[in-house]
Structures are given as C-alpha cells and as structure tokens.
Amino acid sequence: MTLTDVFVLLVVATAAYALWRHAEVSSAARAAVQRYVDQHQMILLDQSVYLHRLIPRFSGDGLKIERHYRFEFSTTANSRYRGHVIFIGKALKQIELEPHRFQ
C-alpha cells in the first residue's frame, strides 16, 4: 500500500463519515421540526426539511458545523409560511418561524 493509497482511503473515509453525520443531523432536524409544529397545532408541508447553509464554527470543544435547515408550514389549509431551524453539531440551537396567522 503506497502513501497515495492511504491518502485516497483517508479522503473516502472522511467523506463517508461526513455523509453519515449529515444524515444523522438532518433526521434530528426533521424530528425537531415535526415535534414543534405538532405542539403548536401546525402542519409541516411537503414533510421535508432541507439544508440551506453550512458554517464551520470553532469553540472550546473544537470545530463544530452549524447547519441551517429550512422548511414550510401551514396554520390553515390554504397558507404557506417559511421557517428555519439551526443545529450546531448535533444540538438544536433554535427554531424560527416567519410571522403567520393563528387558526
């Protein structure tokens, strides 16, 4: 095994870990948003939460990735509003909704 082989293996392993971690956090984001809209008697539209932005952040714990996800929700059957959720690492930081009508 040459040094090039080791480097390629390291790159592939790092990419696989990053994808696995992204899938884990995306699933947590979707679950957090679903709980939030259920608690507030709203509807998560299209049953999706999608990645909008990735920002590397340095803290006392080292490098963390801040992930911004967007989603759409409704309070009535004929309205659409946007919201976003922020995760730092695997921790939920905040969920924000744009101004909307209540039922």
PDB file of N, CA and C in Angstrom:
ATOM      1  N   MET A   1       0.853  -1.173   0.000  1.00  0.00           N
ATOM      2  CA  MET A   1       0.000   0.000   0.000  1.00  0.00           C
ATOM      3  C   MET A   1       0.898   1.234   0.000  1.00  0.00           C
ATOM      4  N   THR A   2       0.679   2.111  -0.968  1.00  0.00           N
ATOM      5  CA  THR A   2       1.502   3.311  -1.080  1.00  0.00           C
ATOM      6  C   THR A   2       0.883   4.452  -0.285  1.00  0.00           C
ATOM      7  N   LEU A   3       1.622   5.524  -0.165  1.00  0.00           N
ATOM      8  CA  LEU A   3       1.142   6.713   0.528  1.00  0.00           C
ATOM      9  C   LEU A   3      -0.078   7.301  -0.187  1.00  0.00           C
ATOM     10  N   THR A   4      -0.101   7.226  -1.504  1.00  0.00           N
ATOM     11  CA  THR A   4      -1.257   7.707  -2.273  1.00  0.00           C
ATOM     12  C   THR A   4      -2.503   6.893  -1.944  1.00  0.00           C
ATOM     13  N   ASP A   5      -2.339   5.576  -1.821  1.00  0.00           N
ATOM     14  CA  ASP A   5      -3.468   4.720  -1.459  1.00  0.00           C
ATOM     15  C   ASP A   5      -4.014   5.079  -0.077  1.00  0.00           C
ATOM     16  N   VAL A   6      -3.132   5.324   0.854  1.00  0.00           N
ATOM     17  CA  VAL A   6      -3.541   5.702   2.213  1.00  0.00           C
ATOM     18  C   VAL A   6      -4.282   7.033   2.177  1.00  0.00           C
ATOM     19  N   PHE A   7      -3.770   7.979   1.411  1.00  0.00           N
ATOM     20  CA  PHE A   7      -4.419   9.282   1.307  1.00  0.00           C
ATOM     21  C   PHE A   7      -5.815   9.152   0.700  1.00  0.00           C
ATOM     22  N   VAL A   8      -5.954   8.388  -0.370  1.00  0.00           N
ATOM     23  CA  VAL A   8      -7.259   8.188  -1.018  1.00  0.00           C
ATOM     24  C   VAL A   8      -8.216   7.508  -0.045  1.00  0.00           C
ATOM     25  N   LEU A   9      -7.744   6.507   0.675  1.00  0.00           N
ATOM     26  CA  LEU A   9      -8.572   5.822   1.656  1.00  0.00           C
ATOM     27  C   LEU A   9      -9.030   6.781   2.756  1.00  0.00           C
ATOM     28  N   LEU A  10      -8.135   7.638   3.206  1.00  0.00           N
ATOM     29  CA  LEU A  10      -8.480   8.629   4.226  1.00  0.00           C
ATOM     30  C   LEU A  10      -9.536   9.611   3.714  1.00  0.00           C
ATOM     31  N   VAL A  11      -9.399  10.076   2.494  1.00  0.00           N
ATOM     32  CA  VAL A  11     -10.378  11.001   1.906  1.00  0.00           C
ATOM     33  C   VAL A  11     -11.744  10.327   1.782  1.00  0.00           C
ATOM     34  N   VAL A  12     -11.768   9.094   1.306  1.00  0.00           N
ATOM     35  CA  VAL A  12     -13.028   8.366   1.156  1.00  0.00           C
ATOM     36  C   VAL A  12     -13.676   8.126   2.517  1.00  0.00           C
ATOM     37  N   ALA A  13     -12.891   7.749   3.512  1.00  0.00           N
ATOM     38  CA  ALA A  13     -13.426   7.518   4.853  1.00  0.00           C
ATOM     39  C   ALA A  13     -13.968   8.804   5.461  1.00  0.00           C
ATOM     40  N   THR A  14     -13.279   9.909   5.260  1.00  0.00           N
ATOM     41  CA  THR A  14     -13.739  11.205   5.772  1.00  0.00           C
ATOM     42  C   THR A  14     -15.042  11.618   5.099  1.00  0.00           C
ATOM     43  N   ALA A  15     -15.140  11.434   3.796  1.00  0.00           N
ATOM     44  CA  ALA A  15     -16.365  11.770   3.069  1.00  0.00           C
ATOM     45  C   ALA A  15     -17.527  10.898   3.537  1.00  0.00           C
ATOM     46  N   ALA A  16     -17.282   9.611   3.738  1.00  0.00           N
ATOM     47  CA  ALA A  16     -18.336   8.704   4.210  1.00  0.00           C
ATOM     48  C   ALA A  16     -18.817   9.116   5.598  1.00  0.00           C
ATOM     49  N   TYR A  17     -17.881   9.467   6.485  1.00  0.00           N
ATOM     50  CA  TYR A  17     -18.256   9.919   7.826  1.00  0.00           C
ATOM     51  C   TYR A  17     -19.063  11.211   7.757  1.00  0.00           C
ATOM     52  N   ALA A  18     -18.660  12.152   6.913  1.00  0.00           N
ATOM     53  CA  ALA A  18     -19.382  13.425   6.782  1.00  0.00           C
ATOM     54  C   ALA A  18     -20.802  13.191   6.282  1.00  0.00           C
ATOM     55  N   LEU A  19     -20.975  12.304   5.321  1.00  0.00           N
ATOM     56  CA  LEU A  19     -22.317  11.999   4.815  1.00  0.00           C
ATOM     57  C   LEU A  19     -23.173  11.311   5.869  1.00  0.00           C
ATOM     58  N   TRP A  20     -22.579  10.387   6.609  1.00  0.00           N
ATOM     59  CA  TRP A  20     -23.311   9.699   7.667  1.00  0.00           C
ATOM     60  C   TRP A  20     -23.744  10.696   8.751  1.00  0.00           C
ATOM     61  N   ARG A  21     -22.836  11.580   9.127  1.00  0.00           N
ATOM     62  CA  ARG A  21     -23.135  12.586  10.154  1.00  0.00           C
ATOM     63  C   ARG A  21     -24.222  13.545   9.669  1.00  0.00           C
ATOM     64  N   HIS A  22     -24.146  13.954   8.400  1.00  0.00           N
ATOM     65  CA  HIS A  22     -25.156  14.840   7.831  1.00  0.00           C
ATOM     66  C   HIS A  22     -26.532  14.175   7.855  1.00  0.00           C
ATOM     67  N   ALA A  23     -26.604  12.916   7.503  1.00  0.00           N
ATOM     68  CA  ALA A  23     -27.880  12.197   7.523  1.00  0.00           C
ATOM     69  C   ALA A  23     -28.440  12.121   8.940  1.00  0.00           C
ATOM     70  N   GLU A  24     -27.571  11.916   9.910  1.00  0.00           N
ATOM     71  CA  GLU A  24     -27.992  11.847  11.308  1.00  0.00           C
ATOM     72  C   GLU A  24     -28.565  13.187  11.789  1.00  0.00           C
ATOM     73  N   VAL A  25     -27.882  14.280  11.490  1.00  0.00           N
ATOM     74  CA  VAL A  25     -28.343  15.601  11.925  1.00  0.00           C
ATOM     75  C   VAL A  25     -29.589  16.016  11.143  1.00  0.00           C
ATOM     76  N   SER A  26     -29.656  15.694   9.868  1.00  0.00           N
ATOM     77  CA  SER A  26     -30.849  16.015   9.078  1.00  0.00           C
ATOM     78  C   SER A  26     -32.076  15.311   9.638  1.00  0.00           C
ATOM     79  N   SER A  27     -31.909  14.072  10.038  1.00  0.00           N
ATOM     80  CA  SER A  27     -33.011  13.326  10.639  1.00  0.00           C
ATOM     81  C   SER A  27     -33.443  13.960  11.962  1.00  0.00           C
ATOM     82  N   ALA A  28     -32.475  14.402  12.757  1.00  0.00           N
ATOM     83  CA  ALA A  28     -32.787  15.073  14.026  1.00  0.00           C
ATOM     84  C   ALA A  28     -33.498  16.400  13.777  1.00  0.00           C
ATOM     85  N   ALA A  29     -33.095  17.124  12.742  1.00  0.00           N
ATOM     86  CA  ALA A  29     -33.736  18.396  12.407  1.00  0.00           C
ATOM     87  C   ALA A  29     -35.184  18.171  12.007  1.00  0.00           C
ATOM     88  N   ARG A  30     -35.418  17.168  11.187  1.00  0.00           N
ATOM     89  CA  ARG A  30     -36.791  16.880  10.757  1.00  0.00           C
ATOM     90  C   ARG A  30     -37.661  16.487  11.942  1.00  0.00           C
ATOM     91  N   ALA A  31     -37.144  15.665  12.841  1.00  0.00           N
ATOM     92  CA  ALA A  31     -37.890  15.250  14.027  1.00  0.00           C
ATOM     93  C   ALA A  31     -38.185  16.440  14.939  1.00  0.00           C
ATOM     94  N   ALA A  32     -37.208  17.332  15.113  1.00  0.00           N
ATOM     95  CA  ALA A  32     -37.410  18.510  15.970  1.00  0.00           C
ATOM     96  C   ALA A  32     -38.476  19.433  15.382  1.00  0.00           C
ATOM     97  N   VAL A  33     -38.434  19.640  14.087  1.00  0.00           N
ATOM     98  CA  VAL A  33     -39.437  20.495  13.442  1.00  0.00           C
ATOM     99  C   VAL A  33     -40.815  19.847  13.520  1.00  0.00           C
ATOM    100  N   GLN A  34     -40.892  18.544  13.298  1.00  0.00           N
ATOM    101  CA  GLN A  34     -42.182  17.856  13.376  1.00  0.00           C
ATOM    102  C   GLN A  34     -42.783  17.974  14.773  1.00  0.00           C
ATOM    103  N   ARG A  35     -41.962  17.778  15.809  1.00  0.00           N
ATOM    104  CA  ARG A  35     -42.445  17.942  17.191  1.00  0.00           C
ATOM    105  C   ARG A  35     -42.934  19.369  17.432  1.00  0.00           C
ATOM    106  N   TYR A  36     -42.166  20.345  16.949  1.00  0.00           N
ATOM    107  CA  TYR A  36     -42.511  21.750  17.160  1.00  0.00           C
ATOM    108  C   TYR A  36     -43.845  22.106  16.503  1.00  0.00           C
ATOM    109  N   VAL A  37     -44.020  21.730  15.252  1.00  0.00           N
ATOM    110  CA  VAL A  37     -45.276  22.079  14.571  1.00  0.00           C
ATOM    111  C   VAL A  37     -46.450  21.307  15.167  1.00  0.00           C
ATOM    112  N   ASP A  38     -46.224  20.073  15.605  1.00  0.00           N
ATOM    113  CA  ASP A  38     -47.299  19.317  16.262  1.00  0.00           C
ATOM    114  C   ASP A  38     -47.714  19.980  17.569  1.00  0.00           C
ATOM    115  N   GLN A  39     -46.740  20.440  18.354  1.00  0.00           N
ATOM    116  CA  GLN A  39     -47.042  21.091  19.631  1.00  0.00           C
ATOM    117  C   GLN A  39     -47.828  22.383  19.439  1.00  0.00           C
ATOM    118  N   HIS A  40     -47.579  23.071  18.320  1.00  0.00           N
ATOM    119  CA  HIS A  40     -48.242  24.347  18.068  1.00  0.00           C
ATOM    120  C   HIS A  40     -49.410  24.211  17.097  1.00  0.00           C
ATOM    121  N   GLN A  41     -49.861  22.994  16.878  1.00  0.00           N
ATOM    122  CA  GLN A  41     -51.024  22.687  16.042  1.00  0.00           C
ATOM    123  C   GLN A  41     -50.895  23.287  14.645  1.00  0.00           C
ATOM    124  N   MET A  42     -49.747  23.056  14.037  1.00  0.00           N
ATOM    125  CA  MET A  42     -49.491  23.486  12.671  1.00  0.00           C
ATOM    126  C   MET A  42     -49.221  22.246  11.820  1.00  0.00           C
ATOM    127  N   ILE A  43     -49.034  22.462  10.536  1.00  0.00           N
ATOM    128  CA  ILE A  43     -48.800  21.367   9.596  1.00  0.00           C
ATOM    129  C   ILE A  43     -47.449  21.588   8.926  1.00  0.00           C
ATOM    130  N   LEU A  44     -46.602  20.571   8.930  1.00  0.00           N
ATOM    131  CA  LEU A  44     -45.337  20.612   8.197  1.00  0.00           C
ATOM    132  C   LEU A  44     -45.649  20.259   6.752  1.00  0.00           C
ATOM    133  N   LEU A  45     -45.447  21.200   5.859  1.00  0.00           N
ATOM    134  CA  LEU A  45     -45.794  20.989   4.462  1.00  0.00           C
ATOM    135  C   LEU A  45     -44.719  20.187   3.742  1.00  0.00           C
ATOM    136  N   ASP A  46     -45.112  19.385   2.819  1.00  0.00           N
ATOM    137  CA  ASP A  46     -44.235  18.555   1.990  1.00  0.00           C
ATOM    138  C   ASP A  46     -43.409  17.577   2.822  1.00  0.00           C
ATOM    139  N   GLN A  47     -43.654  17.503   4.119  1.00  0.00           N
ATOM    140  CA  GLN A  47     -42.945  16.592   5.017  1.00  0.00           C
ATOM    141  C   GLN A  47     -41.427  16.655   4.825  1.00  0.00           C
ATOM    142  N   SER A  48     -40.906  17.873   4.583  1.00  0.00           N
ATOM    143  CA  SER A  48     -39.471  17.973   4.328  1.00  0.00           C
ATOM    144  C   SER A  48     -38.831  19.147   5.053  1.00  0.00           C
ATOM    145  N   VAL A  49     -37.593  18.927   5.425  1.00  0.00           N
ATOM    146  CA  VAL A  49     -36.720  19.938   5.996  1.00  0.00           C
ATOM    147  C   VAL A  49     -35.438  19.841   5.175  1.00  0.00           C
ATOM    148  N   TYR A  50     -35.026  20.943   4.552  1.00  0.00           N
ATOM    149  CA  TYR A  50     -33.876  20.853   3.644  1.00  0.00           C
ATOM    150  C   TYR A  50     -32.743  21.774   4.084  1.00  0.00           C
ATOM    151  N   LEU A  51     -31.528  21.333   3.783  1.00  0.00           N
ATOM    152  CA  LEU A  51     -30.321  22.058   4.165  1.00  0.00           C
ATOM    153  C   LEU A  51     -30.200  23.337   3.346  1.00  0.00           C
ATOM    154  N   HIS A  52     -29.951  24.438   4.047  1.00  0.00           N
ATOM    155  CA  HIS A  52     -29.791  25.736   3.387  1.00  0.00           C
ATOM    156  C   HIS A  52     -28.347  26.228   3.442  1.00  0.00           C
ATOM    157  N   ARG A  53     -27.680  25.993   4.579  1.00  0.00           N
ATOM    158  CA  ARG A  53     -26.339  26.560   4.745  1.00  0.00           C
ATOM    159  C   ARG A  53     -25.526  25.727   5.747  1.00  0.00           C
ATOM    160  N   LEU A  54     -24.239  25.621   5.487  1.00  0.00           N
ATOM    161  CA  LEU A  54     -23.278  25.014   6.410  1.00  0.00           C
ATOM    162  C   LEU A  54     -22.231  26.055   6.777  1.00  0.00           C
ATOM    163  N   ILE A  55     -21.958  26.211   8.076  1.00  0.00           N
ATOM    164  CA  ILE A  55     -20.968  27.185   8.525  1.00  0.00           C
ATOM    165  C   ILE A  55     -20.056  26.505   9.548  1.00  0.00           C
ATOM    166  N   PRO A  56     -18.739  26.466   9.300  1.00  0.00           N
ATOM    167  CA  PRO A  56     -17.840  25.914  10.317  1.00  0.00           C
ATOM    168  C   PRO A  56     -17.688  26.910  11.472  1.00  0.00           C
ATOM    169  N   ARG A  57     -17.773  26.407  12.701  1.00  0.00           N
ATOM    170  CA  ARG A  57     -17.630  27.244  13.898  1.00  0.00           C
ATOM    171  C   ARG A  57     -16.582  26.620  14.811  1.00  0.00           C
ATOM    172  N   PHE A  58     -15.714  27.452  15.351  1.00  0.00           N
ATOM    173  CA  PHE A  58     -14.716  26.992  16.307  1.00  0.00           C
ATOM    174  C   PHE A  58     -15.168  27.384  17.702  1.00  0.00           C
ATOM    175  N   SER A  59     -15.086  26.433  18.636  1.00  0.00           N
ATOM    176  CA  SER A  59     -15.473  26.709  20.018  1.00  0.00           C
ATOM    177  C   SER A  59     -14.464  26.026  20.936  1.00  0.00           C
ATOM    178  N   GLY A  60     -14.741  26.052  22.219  1.00  0.00           N
ATOM    179  CA  GLY A  60     -13.861  25.398  23.175  1.00  0.00           C
ATOM    180  C   GLY A  60     -13.800  23.896  22.960  1.00  0.00           C
ATOM    181  N   ASP A  61     -14.834  23.333  22.346  1.00  0.00           N
ATOM    182  CA  ASP A  61     -14.886  21.891  22.065  1.00  0.00           C
ATOM    183  C   ASP A  61     -14.244  21.539  20.739  1.00  0.00           C
ATOM    184  N   GLY A  62     -13.750  22.530  20.008  1.00  0.00           N
ATOM    185  CA  GLY A  62     -13.152  22.273  18.702  1.00  0.00           C
ATOM    186  C   GLY A  62     -14.061  22.739  17.581  1.00  0.00           C
ATOM    187  N   LEU A  63     -13.877  22.158  16.436  1.00  0.00           N
ATOM    188  CA  LEU A  63     -14.649  22.542  15.252  1.00  0.00           C
ATOM    189  C   LEU A  63     -16.045  21.931  15.311  1.00  0.00           C
ATOM    190  N   LYS A  64     -17.061  22.753  15.115  1.00  0.00           N
ATOM    191  CA  LYS A  64     -18.457  22.306  15.026  1.00  0.00           C
ATOM    192  C   LYS A  64     -19.017  22.846  13.717  1.00  0.00           C
ATOM    193  N   ILE A  65     -19.933  22.128  13.149  1.00  0.00           N
ATOM    194  CA  ILE A  65     -20.594  22.569  11.925  1.00  0.00           C
ATOM    195  C   ILE A  65     -21.968  23.104  12.301  1.00  0.00           C
ATOM    196  N   GLU A  66     -22.239  24.346  11.924  1.00  0.00           N
ATOM    197  CA  GLU A  66     -23.555  24.944  12.124  1.00  0.00           C
ATOM    198  C   GLU A  66     -24.356  24.709  10.849  1.00  0.00           C
ATOM    199  N   ARG A  67     -25.482  24.030  11.004  1.00  0.00           N
ATOM    200  CA  ARG A  67     -26.329  23.691   9.861  1.00  0.00           C
ATOM    201  C   ARG A  67     -27.641  24.455   9.954  1.00  0.00           C
ATOM    202  N   HIS A  68     -27.989  25.126   8.867  1.00  0.00           N
ATOM    203  CA  HIS A  68     -29.253  25.852   8.779  1.00  0.00           C
ATOM    204  C   HIS A  68     -30.167  25.074   7.835  1.00  0.00           C
ATOM    205  N   TYR A  69     -31.333  24.699   8.335  1.00  0.00           N
ATOM    206  CA  TYR A  69     -32.318  23.988   7.526  1.00  0.00           C
ATOM    207  C   TYR A  69     -33.539  24.875   7.363  1.00  0.00           C
ATOM    208  N   ARG A  70     -34.211  24.733   6.247  1.00  0.00           N
ATOM    209  CA  ARG A  70     -35.457  25.457   6.001  1.00  0.00           C
ATOM    210  C   ARG A  70     -36.600  24.472   5.842  1.00  0.00           C
ATOM    211  N   PHE A  71     -37.796  24.966   6.108  1.00  0.00           N
ATOM    212  CA  PHE A  71     -38.994  24.151   5.934  1.00  0.00           C
ATOM    213  C   PHE A  71     -40.182  25.092   5.711  1.00  0.00           C
ATOM    214  N   GLU A  72     -41.289  24.527   5.280  1.00  0.00           N
ATOM    215  CA  GLU A  72     -42.522  25.288   5.107  1.00  0.00           C
ATOM    216  C   GLU A  72     -43.598  24.655   5.971  1.00  0.00           C
ATOM    217  N   PHE A  73     -44.448  25.518   6.525  1.00  0.00           N
ATOM    218  CA  PHE A  73     -45.510  25.037   7.396  1.00  0.00           C
ATOM    219  C   PHE A  73     -46.781  25.815   7.100  1.00  0.00           C
ATOM    220  N   SER A  74     -47.869  25.339   7.667  1.00  0.00           N
ATOM    221  CA  SER A  74     -49.160  25.990   7.481  1.00  0.00           C
ATOM    222  C   SER A  74     -49.928  25.966   8.789  1.00  0.00           C
ATOM    223  N   THR A  75     -50.702  27.013   8.993  1.00  0.00           N
ATOM    224  CA  THR A  75     -51.599  27.037  10.147  1.00  0.00           C
ATOM    225  C   THR A  75     -53.025  26.763   9.704  1.00  0.00           C
ATOM    226  N   THR A  76     -53.291  26.987   8.441  1.00  0.00           N
ATOM    227  CA  THR A  76     -54.590  26.668   7.841  1.00  0.00           C
ATOM    228  C   THR A  76     -54.329  25.877   6.572  1.00  0.00           C
ATOM    229  N   ALA A  77     -55.335  25.372   5.987  1.00  0.00           N
ATOM    230  CA  ALA A  77     -55.160  24.535   4.796  1.00  0.00           C
ATOM    231  C   ALA A  77     -54.718  25.327   3.571  1.00  0.00           C
ATOM    232  N   ASN A  78     -54.897  26.641   3.570  1.00  0.00           N
ATOM    233  CA  ASN A  78     -54.597  27.419   2.368  1.00  0.00           C
ATOM    234  C   ASN A  78     -53.533  28.493   2.584  1.00  0.00           C
ATOM    235  N   SER A  79     -52.575  28.237   3.443  1.00  0.00           N
ATOM    236  CA  SER A  79     -51.491  29.198   3.661  1.00  0.00           C
ATOM    237  C   SER A  79     -50.158  28.460   3.713  1.00  0.00           C
ATOM    238  N   ARG A  80     -49.103  29.164   3.316  1.00  0.00           N
ATOM    239  CA  ARG A  80     -47.741  28.611   3.361  1.00  0.00           C
ATOM    240  C   ARG A  80     -46.825  29.648   3.998  1.00  0.00           C
ATOM    241  N   TYR A  81     -46.060  29.210   4.967  1.00  0.00           N
ATOM    242  CA  TYR A  81     -45.092  30.076   5.633  1.00  0.00           C
ATOM    243  C   TYR A  81     -43.763  29.333   5.722  1.00  0.00           C
ATOM    244  N   ARG A  82     -42.699  30.096   5.858  1.00  0.00           N
ATOM    245  CA  ARG A  82     -41.366  29.503   5.973  1.00  0.00           C
ATOM    246  C   ARG A  82     -40.881  29.535   7.412  1.00  0.00           C
ATOM    247  N   GLY A  83     -40.017  28.591   7.691  1.00  0.00           N
ATOM    248  CA  GLY A  83     -39.365  28.551   8.980  1.00  0.00           C
ATOM    249  C   GLY A  83     -37.951  28.042   8.785  1.00  0.00           C
ATOM    250  N   HIS A  84     -37.146  28.198   9.801  1.00  0.00           N
ATOM    251  CA  HIS A  84     -35.812  27.605   9.729  1.00  0.00           C
ATOM    252  C   HIS A  84     -35.399  27.103  11.110  1.00  0.00           C
ATOM    253  N   VAL A  85     -34.517  26.127  11.070  1.00  0.00           N
ATOM    254  CA  VAL A  85     -34.002  25.505  12.285  1.00  0.00           C
ATOM    255  C   VAL A  85     -32.484  25.484  12.162  1.00  0.00           C
ATOM    256  N   ILE A  86     -31.818  25.728  13.291  1.00  0.00           N
ATOM    257  CA  ILE A  86     -30.357  25.765  13.315  1.00  0.00           C
ATOM    258  C   ILE A  86     -29.854  24.709  14.290  1.00  0.00           C
ATOM    259  N   PHE A  87     -28.906  23.905  13.828  1.00  0.00           N
ATOM    260  CA  PHE A  87     -28.216  22.923  14.648  1.00  0.00           C
ATOM    261  C   PHE A  87     -26.743  23.274  14.677  1.00  0.00           C
ATOM    262  N   ILE A  88     -26.128  23.175  15.852  1.00  0.00           N
ATOM    263  CA  ILE A  88     -24.678  23.288  15.967  1.00  0.00           C
ATOM    264  C   ILE A  88     -24.190  21.922  16.428  1.00  0.00           C
ATOM    265  N   GLY A  89     -23.443  21.274  15.553  1.00  0.00           N
ATOM    266  CA  GLY A  89     -23.104  19.877  15.811  1.00  0.00           C
ATOM    267  C   GLY A  89     -24.393  19.074  15.778  1.00  0.00           C
ATOM    268  N   LYS A  90     -24.674  18.323  16.856  1.00  0.00           N
ATOM    269  CA  LYS A  90     -25.923  17.565  16.944  1.00  0.00           C
ATOM    270  C   LYS A  90     -26.943  18.250  17.836  1.00  0.00           C
ATOM    271  N   ALA A  91     -26.638  19.453  18.318  1.00  0.00           N
ATOM    272  CA  ALA A  91     -27.507  20.148  19.266  1.00  0.00           C
ATOM    273  C   ALA A  91     -28.400  21.171  18.565  1.00  0.00           C
ATOM    274  N   LEU A  92     -29.666  21.161  18.916  1.00  0.00           N
ATOM    275  CA  LEU A  92     -30.624  22.135  18.401  1.00  0.00           C
ATOM    276  C   LEU A  92     -30.340  23.490  19.025  1.00  0.00           C
ATOM    277  N   LYS A  93     -30.158  24.511  18.195  1.00  0.00           N
ATOM    278  CA  LYS A  93     -29.914  25.860  18.693  1.00  0.00           C
ATOM    279  C   LYS A  93     -31.212  26.655  18.713  1.00  0.00           C
ATOM    280  N   GLN A  94     -31.947  26.680  17.597  1.00  0.00           N
ATOM    281  CA  GLN A  94     -33.198  27.442  17.575  1.00  0.00           C
ATOM    282  C   GLN A  94     -34.077  27.032  16.408  1.00  0.00           C
ATOM    283  N   ILE A  95     -35.370  27.304  16.584  1.00  0.00           N
ATOM    284  CA  ILE A  95     -36.361  27.166  15.518  1.00  0.00           C
ATOM    285  C   ILE A  95     -37.053  28.509  15.415  1.00  0.00           C
ATOM    286  N   GLU A  96     -37.095  29.063  14.220  1.00  0.00           N
ATOM    287  CA  GLU A  96     -37.758  30.353  14.000  1.00  0.00           C
ATOM    288  C   GLU A  96     -38.791  30.207  12.892  1.00  0.00           C
ATOM    289  N   LEU A  97     -39.893  30.905  13.064  1.00  0.00           N
ATOM    290  CA  LEU A  97     -40.955  30.917  12.075  1.00  0.00           C
ATOM    291  C   LEU A  97     -41.178  32.345  11.603  1.00  0.00           C
ATOM    292  N   GLU A  98     -41.545  32.505  10.333  1.00  0.00           N
ATOM    293  CA  GLU A  98     -41.895  33.839   9.880  1.00  0.00           C
ATOM    294  C   GLU A  98     -43.287  34.164  10.436  1.00  0.00           C
ATOM    295  N   PRO A  99     -43.642  35.442  10.505  1.00  0.00           N
ATOM    296  CA  PRO A  99     -44.964  35.810  11.038  1.00  0.00           C
ATOM    297  C   PRO A  99     -46.073  35.079  10.284  1.00  0.00           C
ATOM    298  N   HIS A 100     -47.050  34.590  11.034  1.00  0.00           N
ATOM    299  CA  HIS A 100     -48.119  33.801  10.434  1.00  0.00           C
ATOM    300  C   HIS A 100     -49.425  33.998  11.200  1.00  0.00           C
ATOM    301  N   ARG A 101     -50.501  33.596  10.576  1.00  0.00           N
ATOM    302  CA  ARG A 101     -51.814  33.650  11.218  1.00  0.00           C
ATOM    303  C   ARG A 101     -51.999  32.425  12.112  1.00  0.00           C
ATOM    304  N   PHE A 102     -52.762  32.628  13.165  1.00  0.00           N
ATOM    305  CA  PHE A 102     -53.156  31.512  14.007  1.00  0.00           C
ATOM    306  C   PHE A 102     -54.529  31.051  13.588  1.00  0.00           C
ATOM    307  N   GLN A 103     -54.834  29.796  13.847  1.00  0.00           N
ATOM    308  CA  GLN A 103     -56.158  29.281  13.486  1.00  0.00           C
ATOM    309  C   GLN A 103     -57.228  29.920  14.313  1.00  0.00           C
TER     310      GLN A 103
END
